[in-house]
C-alpha atoms as a PDB file:
ATOM      1  CA  GLN A   1      31.769 -12.037  22.098  1.00  0.00           C
ATOM      2  CA  VAL A   2      31.545  -8.329  21.426  1.00  0.00           C
ATOM      3  CA  GLN A   3      34.433  -6.990  19.371  1.00  0.00           C
ATOM      4  CA  LEU A   4      35.112  -3.459  18.199  1.00  0.00           C
ATOM      5  CA  VAL A   5      38.101  -2.894  15.904  1.00  0.00           C
ATOM      6  CA  GLU A   6      39.070   0.626  14.902  1.00  0.00           C
ATOM      7  CA  SER A   7      41.160   1.574  11.903  1.00  0.00           C
ATOM      8  CA  GLY A   8      41.981   4.575   9.742  1.00  0.00           C
ATOM      9  CA  GLY A   9      44.145   6.659  12.052  1.00  0.00           C
ATOM     10  CA  GLY A  10      47.417   8.220  11.017  1.00  0.00           C
ATOM     11  CA  LEU A  11      49.488  11.366  10.732  1.00  0.00           C
ATOM     12  CA  VAL A  12      47.913  14.281   8.887  1.00  0.00           C
ATOM     13  CA  GLN A  13      48.712  17.962   8.460  1.00  0.00           C
ATOM     14  CA  PRO A  14      46.486  20.642   9.981  1.00  0.00           C
ATOM     15  CA  GLY A  15      43.486  21.190   7.744  1.00  0.00           C
ATOM     16  CA  GLY A  16      43.604  17.636   6.472  1.00  0.00           C
ATOM     17  CA  SER A  17      41.065  14.836   6.686  1.00  0.00           C
ATOM     18  CA  LEU A  18      40.855  11.272   7.941  1.00  0.00           C
ATOM     19  CA  ARG A  19      38.070   8.717   8.089  1.00  0.00           C
ATOM     20  CA  LEU A  20      38.016   6.352  11.022  1.00  0.00           C
ATOM     21  CA  SER A  21      36.203   3.030  10.855  1.00  0.00           C
ATOM     22  CA  CYS A  22      35.049   0.671  13.573  1.00  0.00           C
ATOM     23  CA  ALA A  23      34.183  -2.886  12.614  1.00  0.00           C
ATOM     24  CA  ALA A  24      31.714  -4.393  15.074  1.00  0.00           C
ATOM     25  CA  SER A  25      30.943  -8.056  15.680  1.00  0.00           C
ATOM     26  CA  GLY A  26      29.386 -10.332  18.258  1.00  0.00           C
ATOM     27  CA  PHE A  27      26.162  -8.353  18.685  1.00  0.00           C
ATOM     28  CA  THR A  28      23.294  -6.911  16.659  1.00  0.00           C
ATOM     29  CA  PHE A  29      25.011  -3.698  15.642  1.00  0.00           C
ATOM     30  CA  SER A  30      21.907  -2.033  14.247  1.00  0.00           C
ATOM     31  CA  ASN A  31      20.216  -2.118  17.661  1.00  0.00           C
ATOM     32  CA  TYR A  32      22.833  -0.091  19.519  1.00  0.00           C
ATOM     33  CA  TYR A  33      23.758   3.508  20.145  1.00  0.00           C
ATOM     34  CA  MET A  34      27.456   3.887  19.298  1.00  0.00           C
ATOM     35  CA  ASN A  35      30.053   6.472  20.298  1.00  0.00           C
ATOM     36  CA  TRP A  36      33.483   7.800  19.474  1.00  0.00           C
ATOM     37  CA  VAL A  37      35.583   8.786  22.480  1.00  0.00           C
ATOM     38  CA  ARG A  38      39.128  10.173  22.402  1.00  0.00           C
ATOM     39  CA  GLN A  39      42.044  10.621  24.745  1.00  0.00           C
ATOM     40  CA  ALA A  40      44.673  13.250  24.001  1.00  0.00           C
ATOM     41  CA  PRO A  41      48.217  12.751  25.307  1.00  0.00           C
ATOM     42  CA  GLY A  42      48.327  13.403  29.042  1.00  0.00           C
ATOM     43  CA  LYS A  43      44.605  14.174  29.245  1.00  0.00           C
ATOM     44  CA  GLY A  44      41.410  12.415  30.238  1.00  0.00           C
ATOM     45  CA  LEU A  45      38.779  10.781  28.105  1.00  0.00           C
ATOM     46  CA  GLU A  46      36.586  13.050  25.993  1.00  0.00           C
ATOM     47  CA  TRP A  47      33.325  11.996  24.369  1.00  0.00           C
ATOM     48  CA  VAL A  48      33.386  13.124  20.728  1.00  0.00           C
ATOM     49  CA  SER A  49      30.236  11.940  18.990  1.00  0.00           C
ATOM     50  CA  GLY A  50      27.368   9.473  19.165  1.00  0.00           C
ATOM     51  CA  ILE A  51      24.787   8.008  16.831  1.00  0.00           C
ATOM     52  CA  THR A  52      21.524   6.303  17.681  1.00  0.00           C
ATOM     53  CA  SER A  53      20.298   3.116  16.076  1.00  0.00           C
ATOM     54  CA  GLY A  54      17.989   5.280  13.972  1.00  0.00           C
ATOM     55  CA  GLY A  55      20.793   7.572  12.794  1.00  0.00           C
ATOM     56  CA  THR A  56      20.342  10.628  15.007  1.00  0.00           C
ATOM     57  CA  THR A  57      23.751  12.170  15.624  1.00  0.00           C
ATOM     58  CA  TYR A  58      25.337  14.134  18.458  1.00  0.00           C
ATOM     59  CA  TYR A  59      28.662  15.968  18.707  1.00  0.00           C
ATOM     60  CA  THR A  60      30.776  17.721  21.265  1.00  0.00           C
ATOM     61  CA  ASP A  61      30.990  21.432  20.507  1.00  0.00           C
ATOM     62  CA  SER A  62      34.659  21.402  19.521  1.00  0.00           C
ATOM     63  CA  VAL A  63      34.046  19.121  16.520  1.00  0.00           C
ATOM     64  CA  LYS A  64      30.659  20.352  15.292  1.00  0.00           C
ATOM     65  CA  GLY A  65      30.821  21.260  11.626  1.00  0.00           C
ATOM     66  CA  ARG A  66      34.108  19.391  11.136  1.00  0.00           C
ATOM     67  CA  PHE A  67      33.372  15.777  12.088  1.00  0.00           C
ATOM     68  CA  THR A  68      30.581  13.540  10.810  1.00  0.00           C
ATOM     69  CA  ILE A  69      29.577  10.286  12.459  1.00  0.00           C
ATOM     70  CA  SER A  70      27.757   7.667  10.424  1.00  0.00           C
ATOM     71  CA  ARG A  71      26.976   3.976  10.415  1.00  0.00           C
ATOM     72  CA  ASP A  72      26.437   1.237   7.868  1.00  0.00           C
ATOM     73  CA  ASN A  73      24.279  -1.348   9.560  1.00  0.00           C
ATOM     74  CA  ALA A  74      24.599  -3.752   6.622  1.00  0.00           C
ATOM     75  CA  LYS A  75      28.371  -3.753   7.108  1.00  0.00           C
ATOM     76  CA  ASN A  76      28.291  -3.561  10.930  1.00  0.00           C
ATOM     77  CA  THR A  77      30.591  -0.578  10.717  1.00  0.00           C
ATOM     78  CA  LEU A  78      30.754   2.795  12.442  1.00  0.00           C
ATOM     79  CA  TYR A  79      32.567   5.732  10.838  1.00  0.00           C
ATOM     80  CA  LEU A  80      33.943   9.104  11.838  1.00  0.00           C
ATOM     81  CA  GLN A  81      34.775  11.464   8.986  1.00  0.00           C
ATOM     82  CA  MET A  82      37.129  14.122  10.311  1.00  0.00           C
ATOM     83  CA  ASN A  83      37.746  17.242   8.238  1.00  0.00           C
ATOM     84  CA  SER A  84      39.618  20.482   8.932  1.00  0.00           C
ATOM     85  CA  LEU A  85      41.725  18.678  11.492  1.00  0.00           C
ATOM     86  CA  LYS A  86      43.542  20.707  14.132  1.00  0.00           C
ATOM     87  CA  PRO A  87      46.558  19.833  16.301  1.00  0.00           C
ATOM     88  CA  GLU A  88      44.205  19.678  19.287  1.00  0.00           C
ATOM     89  CA  ASP A  89      42.414  16.753  17.622  1.00  0.00           C
ATOM     90  CA  THR A  90      45.529  14.627  18.212  1.00  0.00           C
ATOM     91  CA  ALA A  91      44.402  11.692  20.339  1.00  0.00           C
ATOM     92  CA  LEU A  92      43.750   7.996  20.563  1.00  0.00           C
ATOM     93  CA  TYR A  93      40.235   7.486  19.205  1.00  0.00           C
ATOM     94  CA  TYR A  94      38.033   4.715  20.572  1.00  0.00           C
ATOM     95  CA  CYS A  95      34.796   3.230  19.304  1.00  0.00           C
ATOM     96  CA  THR A  96      32.494   2.349  22.201  1.00  0.00           C
ATOM     97  CA  ARG A  97      29.185   0.658  22.902  1.00  0.00           C
ATOM     98  CA  GLY A  98      27.069   0.654  25.984  1.00  0.00           C
ATOM     99  CA  GLY A  99      27.847  -2.016  28.549  1.00  0.00           C
ATOM    100  CA  GLY A 100      31.490  -1.056  28.768  1.00  0.00           C
ATOM    101  CA  TYR A 101      32.654  -2.272  25.382  1.00  0.00           C
ATOM    102  CA  TRP A 102      35.599  -0.446  23.826  1.00  0.00           C
ATOM    103  CA  GLY A 103      37.895  -1.093  20.920  1.00  0.00           C
ATOM    104  CA  GLN A 104      41.669  -0.929  21.147  1.00  0.00           C
ATOM    105  CA  GLY A 105      41.787   2.554  19.649  1.00  0.00           C
ATOM    106  CA  THR A 106      43.352   4.136  16.593  1.00  0.00           C
ATOM    107  CA  GLN A 107      45.891   6.931  16.851  1.00  0.00           C
ATOM    108  CA  VAL A 108      45.326  10.261  15.135  1.00  0.00           C
ATOM    109  CA  ALA A 109      48.161  12.773  15.003  1.00  0.00           C
ATOM    110  CA  VAL A 110      47.701  16.236  13.495  1.00  0.00           C
ATOM    111  CA  SER A 111      50.977  18.009  12.949  1.00  0.00           C
ATOM    112  CA  SER A 112      52.896  19.954  10.336  1.00  0.00           C
END
């Protein structure tokens, strides 16, 4: 069965960095477009970034130039490198795949 397991969240000061990982299993990871989606406290879901099977990347405007999505198809792993973090980046971050597959999320908190 499809499984997506995120890790790498935590508490970081404004301006800091974190790298999120998403370990995928149960499907041919290299064939799929993958996304990161986040949900800030008390707010709705927000798409953050996506990457095609060929490595083309897309970002929401608020993270362009600060976040980098990447994938390692040999390791079946999706990444999100987050730099210059801001308090408004505080959210639960989910790794998602088409077909309605989501991980359990990893919490990111940006605070001094």
